[in-house]
């Protein structure tokens, strides 16, 4: 069974950084698009960033210039480097590819 496992979340002060990792139980080489989503309490899940197998990336406007998504096919892992974090970035962050979702990792940013 294919699994995606997120890690790297935590509690951080505004302005700080975190790096999230999403480890897949199978090779991610064949997954055309991998993405990070987030869901804050009482809100809908939203796309944060995604990356194609060719390395093209897309970001939601509110994280552009602060977040960077990358993928390491050799390690079957996708990363989300988050800098200059803001309280409004607080959410559970989920890794996704095709119909697969991880269980999420909590990110809490305090001011």
C-alpha atoms as a PDB file:
ATOM      1  CA  UNK A   1       0.000   0.000   0.000  1.00  0.00           C
ATOM      2  CA  UNK A   2       1.370   3.370  -1.015  1.00  0.00           C
ATOM      3  CA  UNK A   3       1.807   5.785   1.864  1.00  0.00           C
ATOM      4  CA  UNK A   4       2.798   9.408   2.224  1.00  0.00           C
ATOM      5  CA  UNK A   5       4.200  10.406   5.604  1.00  0.00           C
ATOM      6  CA  UNK A   6       4.701  14.047   6.533  1.00  0.00           C
ATOM      7  CA  UNK A   7       7.109  15.303   9.174  1.00  0.00           C
ATOM      8  CA  UNK A   8       8.802  18.489  10.271  1.00  0.00           C
ATOM      9  CA  UNK A   9       5.896  20.430  11.680  1.00  0.00           C
ATOM     10  CA  UNK A  10       6.043  22.169  15.019  1.00  0.00           C
ATOM     11  CA  UNK A  11       5.670  25.339  17.021  1.00  0.00           C
ATOM     12  CA  UNK A  12       7.608  28.341  15.778  1.00  0.00           C
ATOM     13  CA  UNK A  13       7.665  32.063  16.417  1.00  0.00           C
ATOM     14  CA  UNK A  14       6.589  34.426  13.654  1.00  0.00           C
ATOM     15  CA  UNK A  15       9.494  35.097  11.338  1.00  0.00           C
ATOM     16  CA  UNK A  16      10.944  31.660  11.892  1.00  0.00           C
ATOM     17  CA  UNK A  17      11.410  28.735   9.545  1.00  0.00           C
ATOM     18  CA  UNK A  18      10.425  25.112   9.239  1.00  0.00           C
ATOM     19  CA  UNK A  19      11.112  22.455   6.646  1.00  0.00           C
ATOM     20  CA  UNK A  20       8.427  19.889   6.022  1.00  0.00           C
ATOM     21  CA  UNK A  21       9.187  16.521   4.491  1.00  0.00           C
ATOM     22  CA  UNK A  22       6.882  14.088   2.744  1.00  0.00           C
ATOM     23  CA  UNK A  23       8.301  10.593   2.421  1.00  0.00           C
ATOM     24  CA  UNK A  24       6.646   8.169   0.022  1.00  0.00           C
ATOM     25  CA  UNK A  25       6.711   4.401   0.447  1.00  0.00           C
ATOM     26  CA  UNK A  26       7.264   3.984  -3.289  1.00  0.00           C
ATOM     27  CA  UNK A  27       9.227   5.743  -5.966  1.00  0.00           C
ATOM     28  CA  UNK A  28       7.851   9.197  -6.688  1.00  0.00           C
ATOM     29  CA  UNK A  29       9.536   9.298 -10.076  1.00  0.00           C
ATOM     30  CA  UNK A  30       6.313   8.399 -11.856  1.00  0.00           C
ATOM     31  CA  UNK A  31       4.169  10.928  -9.999  1.00  0.00           C
ATOM     32  CA  UNK A  32       3.773  13.855 -12.327  1.00  0.00           C
ATOM     33  CA  UNK A  33       2.597  16.331  -9.725  1.00  0.00           C
ATOM     34  CA  UNK A  34       3.180  16.393  -5.977  1.00  0.00           C
ATOM     35  CA  UNK A  35       1.814  19.052  -3.741  1.00  0.00           C
ATOM     36  CA  UNK A  36       1.452  20.488  -0.287  1.00  0.00           C
ATOM     37  CA  UNK A  37      -1.950  21.559   1.005  1.00  0.00           C
ATOM     38  CA  UNK A  38      -3.002  23.027   4.316  1.00  0.00           C
ATOM     39  CA  UNK A  39      -6.143  23.263   6.352  1.00  0.00           C
ATOM     40  CA  UNK A  40      -6.678  25.704   9.177  1.00  0.00           C
ATOM     41  CA  UNK A  41      -9.432  25.195  11.768  1.00  0.00           C
ATOM     42  CA  UNK A  42     -12.828  26.044  10.316  1.00  0.00           C
ATOM     43  CA  UNK A  43     -11.440  26.550   6.825  1.00  0.00           C
ATOM     44  CA  UNK A  44     -11.290  24.529   3.649  1.00  0.00           C
ATOM     45  CA  UNK A  45      -8.172  22.708   2.588  1.00  0.00           C
ATOM     46  CA  UNK A  46      -6.142  24.833   0.193  1.00  0.00           C
ATOM     47  CA  UNK A  47      -3.254  24.286  -2.153  1.00  0.00           C
ATOM     48  CA  UNK A  48       0.009  25.747  -0.893  1.00  0.00           C
ATOM     49  CA  UNK A  49       2.489  24.631  -3.536  1.00  0.00           C
ATOM     50  CA  UNK A  50       3.004  21.927  -6.123  1.00  0.00           C
ATOM     51  CA  UNK A  51       5.840  20.633  -8.226  1.00  0.00           C
ATOM     52  CA  UNK A  52       5.870  18.619 -11.424  1.00  0.00           C
ATOM     53  CA  UNK A  53       8.214  15.814 -12.355  1.00  0.00           C
ATOM     54  CA  UNK A  54      10.035  18.307 -14.538  1.00  0.00           C
ATOM     55  CA  UNK A  55      10.575  20.671 -11.643  1.00  0.00           C
ATOM     56  CA  UNK A  56       7.990  23.319 -12.492  1.00  0.00           C
ATOM     57  CA  UNK A  57       6.447  24.881  -9.406  1.00  0.00           C
ATOM     58  CA  UNK A  58       3.319  26.801  -8.471  1.00  0.00           C
ATOM     59  CA  UNK A  59       2.532  28.633  -5.241  1.00  0.00           C
ATOM     60  CA  UNK A  60      -0.472  30.301  -3.753  1.00  0.00           C
ATOM     61  CA  UNK A  61       0.016  34.051  -3.712  1.00  0.00           C
ATOM     62  CA  UNK A  62       0.230  34.362   0.065  1.00  0.00           C
ATOM     63  CA  UNK A  63       3.353  32.153   0.287  1.00  0.00           C
ATOM     64  CA  UNK A  64       5.234  33.290  -2.806  1.00  0.00           C
ATOM     65  CA  UNK A  65       8.737  34.388  -1.933  1.00  0.00           C
ATOM     66  CA  UNK A  66       8.564  32.693   1.475  1.00  0.00           C
ATOM     67  CA  UNK A  67       7.970  29.000   0.724  1.00  0.00           C
ATOM     68  CA  UNK A  68       9.922  26.710  -1.583  1.00  0.00           C
ATOM     69  CA  UNK A  69       8.831  23.275  -2.728  1.00  0.00           C
ATOM     70  CA  UNK A  70      11.338  20.729  -3.963  1.00  0.00           C
ATOM     71  CA  UNK A  71      11.506  17.036  -4.675  1.00  0.00           C
ATOM     72  CA  UNK A  72      14.254  14.454  -4.372  1.00  0.00           C
ATOM     73  CA  UNK A  73      13.300  11.489  -6.512  1.00  0.00           C
ATOM     74  CA  UNK A  74      16.252   9.457  -5.246  1.00  0.00           C
ATOM     75  CA  UNK A  75      14.943   9.779  -1.685  1.00  0.00           C
ATOM     76  CA  UNK A  76      11.262   9.555  -2.668  1.00  0.00           C
ATOM     77  CA  UNK A  77      10.716  12.745  -0.725  1.00  0.00           C
ATOM     78  CA  UNK A  78       9.113  16.116  -1.319  1.00  0.00           C
ATOM     79  CA  UNK A  79      10.045  19.101   0.822  1.00  0.00           C
ATOM     80  CA  UNK A  80       8.456  22.395   1.732  1.00  0.00           C
ATOM     81  CA  UNK A  81      10.866  24.990   3.056  1.00  0.00           C
ATOM     82  CA  UNK A  82       8.890  27.645   4.887  1.00  0.00           C
ATOM     83  CA  UNK A  83      10.591  30.910   5.816  1.00  0.00           C
ATOM     84  CA  UNK A  84       9.304  34.140   7.340  1.00  0.00           C
ATOM     85  CA  UNK A  85       6.398  32.275   8.833  1.00  0.00           C
ATOM     86  CA  UNK A  86       3.296  34.186   9.875  1.00  0.00           C
ATOM     87  CA  UNK A  87       0.524  33.303  12.330  1.00  0.00           C
ATOM     88  CA  UNK A  88      -1.837  32.917   9.367  1.00  0.00           C
ATOM     89  CA  UNK A  89       0.318  30.017   8.157  1.00  0.00           C
ATOM     90  CA  UNK A  90      -0.907  27.995  11.127  1.00  0.00           C
ATOM     91  CA  UNK A  91      -2.588  24.852   9.815  1.00  0.00           C
ATOM     92  CA  UNK A  92      -2.252  21.141   9.320  1.00  0.00           C
ATOM     93  CA  UNK A  93      -0.091  20.604   6.255  1.00  0.00           C
ATOM     94  CA  UNK A  94      -0.790  17.656   3.988  1.00  0.00           C
ATOM     95  CA  UNK A  95       1.208  16.027   1.240  1.00  0.00           C
ATOM     96  CA  UNK A  96      -0.645  14.912  -1.866  1.00  0.00           C
ATOM     97  CA  UNK A  97      -0.122  13.170  -5.148  1.00  0.00           C
ATOM     98  CA  UNK A  98      -2.894  11.953  -7.434  1.00  0.00           C
ATOM     99  CA  UNK A  99      -5.453  10.413  -5.058  1.00  0.00           C
ATOM    100  CA  UNK A 100      -3.034   9.882  -2.180  1.00  0.00           C
ATOM    101  CA  UNK A 101      -2.932  11.961   0.996  1.00  0.00           C
ATOM    102  CA  UNK A 102      -0.738  11.845   4.043  1.00  0.00           C
ATOM    103  CA  UNK A 103      -2.093  12.266   7.565  1.00  0.00           C
ATOM    104  CA  UNK A 104      -0.685  15.739   7.923  1.00  0.00           C
ATOM    105  CA  UNK A 105       1.698  17.570  10.192  1.00  0.00           C
ATOM    106  CA  UNK A 106       0.720  20.475  12.429  1.00  0.00           C
ATOM    107  CA  UNK A 107       2.378  23.849  11.966  1.00  0.00           C
ATOM    108  CA  UNK A 108       1.677  26.491  14.592  1.00  0.00           C
ATOM    109  CA  UNK A 109       3.109  29.981  14.291  1.00  0.00           C
ATOM    110  CA  UNK A 110       2.813  32.320  17.278  1.00  0.00           C
ATOM    111  CA  UNK A 111       3.455  36.043  17.410  1.00  0.00           C
END
